[in-house]
C-alpha atoms as a PDB file:
ATOM      1  CA  UNK A   1       0.000   0.000   0.000  1.00  0.00           C
ATOM      2  CA  UNK A   2       1.314   3.439  -0.929  1.00  0.00           C
ATOM      3  CA  UNK A   3       1.917   5.957   1.830  1.00  0.00           C
ATOM      4  CA  UNK A   4      -0.575   8.845   1.940  1.00  0.00           C
ATOM      5  CA  UNK A   5       0.101  12.368   2.951  1.00  0.00           C
ATOM      6  CA  UNK A   6      -2.252  14.236   5.172  1.00  0.00           C
ATOM      7  CA  UNK A   7      -2.227  17.965   4.971  1.00  0.00           C
ATOM      8  CA  UNK A   8      -3.796  20.623   7.047  1.00  0.00           C
ATOM      9  CA  UNK A   9      -6.667  22.733   5.769  1.00  0.00           C
ATOM     10  CA  UNK A  10      -4.361  25.717   5.479  1.00  0.00           C
ATOM     11  CA  UNK A  11      -2.195  23.981   2.873  1.00  0.00           C
ATOM     12  CA  UNK A  12      -2.993  23.485  -0.789  1.00  0.00           C
ATOM     13  CA  UNK A  13      -0.974  22.146  -3.672  1.00  0.00           C
ATOM     14  CA  UNK A  14       0.585  25.577  -4.140  1.00  0.00           C
ATOM     15  CA  UNK A  15       1.584  25.936  -0.515  1.00  0.00           C
ATOM     16  CA  UNK A  16       0.035  27.821   2.397  1.00  0.00           C
ATOM     17  CA  UNK A  17      -3.324  29.516   1.892  1.00  0.00           C
ATOM     18  CA  UNK A  18      -3.372  33.279   1.335  1.00  0.00           C
ATOM     19  CA  UNK A  19      -5.466  35.581   3.544  1.00  0.00           C
ATOM     20  CA  UNK A  20      -8.045  36.128   0.745  1.00  0.00           C
ATOM     21  CA  UNK A  21      -8.605  32.382   0.401  1.00  0.00           C
ATOM     22  CA  UNK A  22      -9.800  32.137   4.001  1.00  0.00           C
ATOM     23  CA  UNK A  23     -12.695  34.524   3.367  1.00  0.00           C
ATOM     24  CA  UNK A  24     -16.122  33.060   2.885  1.00  0.00           C
ATOM     25  CA  UNK A  25     -17.899  33.514  -0.409  1.00  0.00           C
ATOM     26  CA  UNK A  26     -20.327  35.977   1.158  1.00  0.00           C
ATOM     27  CA  UNK A  27     -17.479  38.134   2.493  1.00  0.00           C
ATOM     28  CA  UNK A  28     -15.758  38.091  -0.901  1.00  0.00           C
ATOM     29  CA  UNK A  29     -19.013  39.146  -2.560  1.00  0.00           C
ATOM     30  CA  UNK A  30     -19.477  41.971  -0.034  1.00  0.00           C
ATOM     31  CA  UNK A  31     -15.957  43.261  -0.661  1.00  0.00           C
ATOM     32  CA  UNK A  32     -16.387  43.056  -4.424  1.00  0.00           C
ATOM     33  CA  UNK A  33     -19.705  44.936  -4.304  1.00  0.00           C
ATOM     34  CA  UNK A  34     -18.219  47.504  -1.940  1.00  0.00           C
ATOM     35  CA  UNK A  35     -15.364  48.163  -4.356  1.00  0.00           C
ATOM     36  CA  UNK A  36     -17.722  48.338  -7.335  1.00  0.00           C
ATOM     37  CA  UNK A  37     -20.193  50.760  -5.745  1.00  0.00           C
ATOM     38  CA  UNK A  38     -17.835  52.828  -3.609  1.00  0.00           C
ATOM     39  CA  UNK A  39     -17.948  55.850  -5.961  1.00  0.00           C
ATOM     40  CA  UNK A  40     -21.583  55.680  -7.049  1.00  0.00           C
ATOM     41  CA  UNK A  41     -23.517  55.077  -3.823  1.00  0.00           C
ATOM     42  CA  UNK A  42     -23.108  56.211  -0.227  1.00  0.00           C
ATOM     43  CA  UNK A  43     -21.462  53.602   1.884  1.00  0.00           C
ATOM     44  CA  UNK A  44     -23.673  51.434   4.079  1.00  0.00           C
ATOM     45  CA  UNK A  45     -22.032  49.651   6.963  1.00  0.00           C
ATOM     46  CA  UNK A  46     -21.643  45.919   6.401  1.00  0.00           C
ATOM     47  CA  UNK A  47     -21.105  43.904   9.521  1.00  0.00           C
ATOM     48  CA  UNK A  48     -18.619  41.061   9.349  1.00  0.00           C
ATOM     49  CA  UNK A  49     -19.905  37.605  10.146  1.00  0.00           C
ATOM     50  CA  UNK A  50     -18.494  37.762  13.682  1.00  0.00           C
ATOM     51  CA  UNK A  51     -20.540  40.895  14.514  1.00  0.00           C
ATOM     52  CA  UNK A  52     -23.796  39.784  12.967  1.00  0.00           C
ATOM     53  CA  UNK A  53     -26.849  39.030  15.021  1.00  0.00           C
ATOM     54  CA  UNK A  54     -26.994  35.606  16.604  1.00  0.00           C
ATOM     55  CA  UNK A  55     -30.325  34.550  15.161  1.00  0.00           C
ATOM     56  CA  UNK A  56     -31.531  34.255  11.564  1.00  0.00           C
ATOM     57  CA  UNK A  57     -34.197  36.584  10.263  1.00  0.00           C
ATOM     58  CA  UNK A  58     -37.529  34.790  10.585  1.00  0.00           C
ATOM     59  CA  UNK A  59     -38.903  33.667   7.254  1.00  0.00           C
ATOM     60  CA  UNK A  60     -42.560  33.447   6.298  1.00  0.00           C
ATOM     61  CA  UNK A  61     -42.522  29.721   6.992  1.00  0.00           C
ATOM     62  CA  UNK A  62     -41.334  30.208  10.536  1.00  0.00           C
ATOM     63  CA  UNK A  63     -43.969  32.782  11.460  1.00  0.00           C
ATOM     64  CA  UNK A  64     -47.149  31.092  12.586  1.00  0.00           C
ATOM     65  CA  UNK A  65     -50.504  32.757  12.227  1.00  0.00           C
ATOM     66  CA  UNK A  66     -52.331  33.546  15.413  1.00  0.00           C
ATOM     67  CA  UNK A  67     -54.294  30.551  16.661  1.00  0.00           C
ATOM     68  CA  UNK A  68     -52.670  28.066  14.267  1.00  0.00           C
ATOM     69  CA  UNK A  69     -51.097  25.088  15.943  1.00  0.00           C
ATOM     70  CA  UNK A  70     -52.927  25.539  19.200  1.00  0.00           C
ATOM     71  CA  UNK A  71     -55.383  23.003  20.501  1.00  0.00           C
ATOM     72  CA  UNK A  72     -58.199  25.493  20.983  1.00  0.00           C
ATOM     73  CA  UNK A  73     -61.821  25.049  20.092  1.00  0.00           C
ATOM     74  CA  UNK A  74     -61.338  26.514  16.623  1.00  0.00           C
ATOM     75  CA  UNK A  75     -58.802  23.873  15.633  1.00  0.00           C
ATOM     76  CA  UNK A  76     -60.796  20.983  17.069  1.00  0.00           C
ATOM     77  CA  UNK A  77     -63.927  21.564  14.978  1.00  0.00           C
ATOM     78  CA  UNK A  78     -63.229  21.190  11.234  1.00  0.00           C
ATOM     79  CA  UNK A  79     -66.083  23.423  10.025  1.00  0.00           C
ATOM     80  CA  UNK A  80     -65.154  26.227  12.394  1.00  0.00           C
ATOM     81  CA  UNK A  81     -61.474  25.799  11.520  1.00  0.00           C
ATOM     82  CA  UNK A  82     -62.286  26.224   7.815  1.00  0.00           C
ATOM     83  CA  UNK A  83     -64.345  29.347   8.447  1.00  0.00           C
ATOM     84  CA  UNK A  84     -61.656  30.814  10.696  1.00  0.00           C
ATOM     85  CA  UNK A  85     -58.998  30.088   8.065  1.00  0.00           C
ATOM     86  CA  UNK A  86     -61.148  31.815   5.443  1.00  0.00           C
ATOM     87  CA  UNK A  87     -61.547  34.964   7.549  1.00  0.00           C
ATOM     88  CA  UNK A  88     -57.825  35.004   8.375  1.00  0.00           C
ATOM     89  CA  UNK A  89     -57.130  34.931   4.637  1.00  0.00           C
ATOM     90  CA  UNK A  90     -59.636  37.746   4.064  1.00  0.00           C
ATOM     91  CA  UNK A  91     -57.980  39.839   6.778  1.00  0.00           C
ATOM     92  CA  UNK A  92     -54.562  39.130   5.305  1.00  0.00           C
ATOM     93  CA  UNK A  93     -55.669  40.226   1.826  1.00  0.00           C
ATOM     94  CA  UNK A  94     -57.357  43.363   3.163  1.00  0.00           C
ATOM     95  CA  UNK A  95     -54.045  44.386   4.730  1.00  0.00           C
ATOM     96  CA  UNK A  96     -52.511  44.399   1.220  1.00  0.00           C
ATOM     97  CA  UNK A  97     -55.155  46.707  -0.281  1.00  0.00           C
ATOM     98  CA  UNK A  98     -54.167  50.255  -1.164  1.00  0.00           C
ATOM     99  CA  UNK A  99     -57.250  52.263  -0.272  1.00  0.00           C
ATOM    100  CA  UNK A 100     -58.055  55.443  -2.230  1.00  0.00           C
ATOM    101  CA  UNK A 101     -57.841  58.842  -0.580  1.00  0.00           C
ATOM    102  CA  UNK A 102     -60.930  60.771   0.463  1.00  0.00           C
ATOM    103  CA  UNK A 103     -60.624  63.142  -2.509  1.00  0.00           C
ATOM    104  CA  UNK A 104     -60.250  60.294  -4.993  1.00  0.00           C
ATOM    105  CA  UNK A 105     -63.248  58.481  -3.495  1.00  0.00           C
ATOM    106  CA  UNK A 106     -65.360  61.642  -3.755  1.00  0.00           C
ATOM    107  CA  UNK A 107     -64.310  62.194  -7.369  1.00  0.00           C
ATOM    108  CA  UNK A 108     -64.999  58.599  -8.422  1.00  0.00           C
ATOM    109  CA  UNK A 109     -68.375  58.632  -6.639  1.00  0.00           C
ATOM    110  CA  UNK A 110     -69.297  61.744  -8.644  1.00  0.00           C
ATOM    111  CA  UNK A 111     -68.296  60.006 -11.879  1.00  0.00           C
ATOM    112  CA  UNK A 112     -70.419  56.952 -11.060  1.00  0.00           C
ATOM    113  CA  UNK A 113     -73.437  59.063 -10.104  1.00  0.00           C
ATOM    114  CA  UNK A 114     -73.073  61.214 -13.241  1.00  0.00           C
ATOM    115  CA  UNK A 115     -72.915  58.230 -15.576  1.00  0.00           C
ATOM    116  CA  UNK A 116     -75.848  56.564 -13.791  1.00  0.00           C
ATOM    117  CA  UNK A 117     -78.031  59.680 -14.074  1.00  0.00           C
ATOM    118  CA  UNK A 118     -77.080  60.195 -17.751  1.00  0.00           C
ATOM    119  CA  UNK A 119     -78.000  56.618 -18.664  1.00  0.00           C
ATOM    120  CA  UNK A 120     -81.226  56.784 -16.641  1.00  0.00           C
ATOM    121  CA  UNK A 121     -82.287  59.959 -18.479  1.00  0.00           C
ATOM    122  CA  UNK A 122     -81.366  58.577 -21.907  1.00  0.00           C
ATOM    123  CA  UNK A 123     -83.227  55.311 -21.295  1.00  0.00           C
ATOM    124  CA  UNK A 124     -86.240  57.253 -19.990  1.00  0.00           C
ATOM    125  CA  UNK A 125     -86.292  59.461 -23.105  1.00  0.00           C
ATOM    126  CA  UNK A 126     -85.920  56.388 -25.327  1.00  0.00           C
ATOM    127  CA  UNK A 127     -88.862  54.787 -23.550  1.00  0.00           C
ATOM    128  CA  UNK A 128     -91.024  57.882 -24.036  1.00  0.00           C
ATOM    129  CA  UNK A 129     -90.041  58.049 -27.707  1.00  0.00           C
ATOM    130  CA  UNK A 130     -90.824  54.360 -28.338  1.00  0.00           C
ATOM    131  CA  UNK A 131     -94.161  54.758 -26.537  1.00  0.00           C
ATOM    132  CA  UNK A 132     -95.108  57.708 -28.730  1.00  0.00           C
ATOM    133  CA  UNK A 133     -93.773  55.997 -31.865  1.00  0.00           C
ATOM    134  CA  UNK A 134     -95.806  52.825 -31.401  1.00  0.00           C
ATOM    135  CA  UNK A 135     -98.941  54.839 -30.626  1.00  0.00           C
ATOM    136  CA  UNK A 136     -98.411  56.495 -34.010  1.00  0.00           C
ATOM    137  CA  UNK A 137     -98.060  53.082 -35.656  1.00  0.00           C
ATOM    138  CA  UNK A 138    -101.427  51.872 -34.412  1.00  0.00           C
ATOM    139  CA  UNK A 139    -103.229  55.118 -35.193  1.00  0.00           C
ATOM    140  CA  UNK A 140    -105.032  55.060 -38.559  1.00  0.00           C
ATOM    141  CA  UNK A 141    -104.382  58.647 -39.608  1.00  0.00           C
ATOM    142  CA  UNK A 142    -100.615  58.829 -38.758  1.00  0.00           C
ATOM    143  CA  UNK A 143     -99.362  55.515 -40.091  1.00  0.00           C
ATOM    144  CA  UNK A 144     -96.980  57.249 -42.507  1.00  0.00           C
ATOM    145  CA  UNK A 145     -95.091  58.962 -39.596  1.00  0.00           C
ATOM    146  CA  UNK A 146     -94.254  55.545 -38.148  1.00  0.00           C
ATOM    147  CA  UNK A 147     -92.972  54.300 -41.517  1.00  0.00           C
ATOM    148  CA  UNK A 148     -90.815  57.412 -42.132  1.00  0.00           C
ATOM    149  CA  UNK A 149     -89.225  57.152 -38.662  1.00  0.00           C
ATOM    150  CA  UNK A 150     -88.667  53.397 -39.122  1.00  0.00           C
ATOM    151  CA  UNK A 151     -86.976  53.977 -42.492  1.00  0.00           C
ATOM    152  CA  UNK A 152     -84.754  56.728 -41.025  1.00  0.00           C
ATOM    153  CA  UNK A 153     -83.789  54.523 -38.068  1.00  0.00           C
ATOM    154  CA  UNK A 154     -82.962  51.643 -40.414  1.00  0.00           C
ATOM    155  CA  UNK A 155     -80.725  53.843 -42.563  1.00  0.00           C
ATOM    156  CA  UNK A 156     -79.049  55.331 -39.487  1.00  0.00           C
ATOM    157  CA  UNK A 157     -78.372  51.971 -37.840  1.00  0.00           C
ATOM    158  CA  UNK A 158     -77.311  50.280 -41.102  1.00  0.00           C
ATOM    159  CA  UNK A 159     -74.989  53.160 -42.044  1.00  0.00           C
ATOM    160  CA  UNK A 160     -73.330  53.329 -38.648  1.00  0.00           C
ATOM    161  CA  UNK A 161     -72.820  49.554 -38.708  1.00  0.00           C
ATOM    162  CA  UNK A 162     -71.131  49.789 -42.114  1.00  0.00           C
ATOM    163  CA  UNK A 163     -68.836  52.587 -40.912  1.00  0.00           C
ATOM    164  CA  UNK A 164     -67.876  50.950 -37.599  1.00  0.00           C
ATOM    165  CA  UNK A 165     -67.490  47.494 -39.140  1.00  0.00           C
ATOM    166  CA  UNK A 166     -64.330  48.629 -40.911  1.00  0.00           C
ATOM    167  CA  UNK A 167     -62.891  50.123 -37.719  1.00  0.00           C
ATOM    168  CA  UNK A 168     -63.558  47.093 -35.569  1.00  0.00           C
END
């Protein structure tokens, strides 16, 4: 059997390890970024690994929602647990909503009311017109008025369809 050499972690094939080789990848990356951005951005203090906080930053998986994992009444009854989970999700989504300001709400309410009133008036006038028009159709002495209006409406609708058909 051939003899084997054991070497310490500080030695490589080229000899002893340089100071830069002992740095972790994260520290090398920090130094490289610091050199790259030293002129363009104000310097932010970067703590070395020895001065960092002792605990990791909690991730979303580590944070438990309130009431989850306990053995309370809500978690023991499946129907109630489902309803509670639903309302927790609703609350969570409502926290993400960007609500409009008072001025924007007032302005948009005015727009909605204006459009609603305009459509209500136009539909009311259309109803009155159709009521009058059909009374003219069933009246013996003004049958020709109904036919003239019908012909004009047909030309108007057919012409506008032909014009807008090319645009659509």
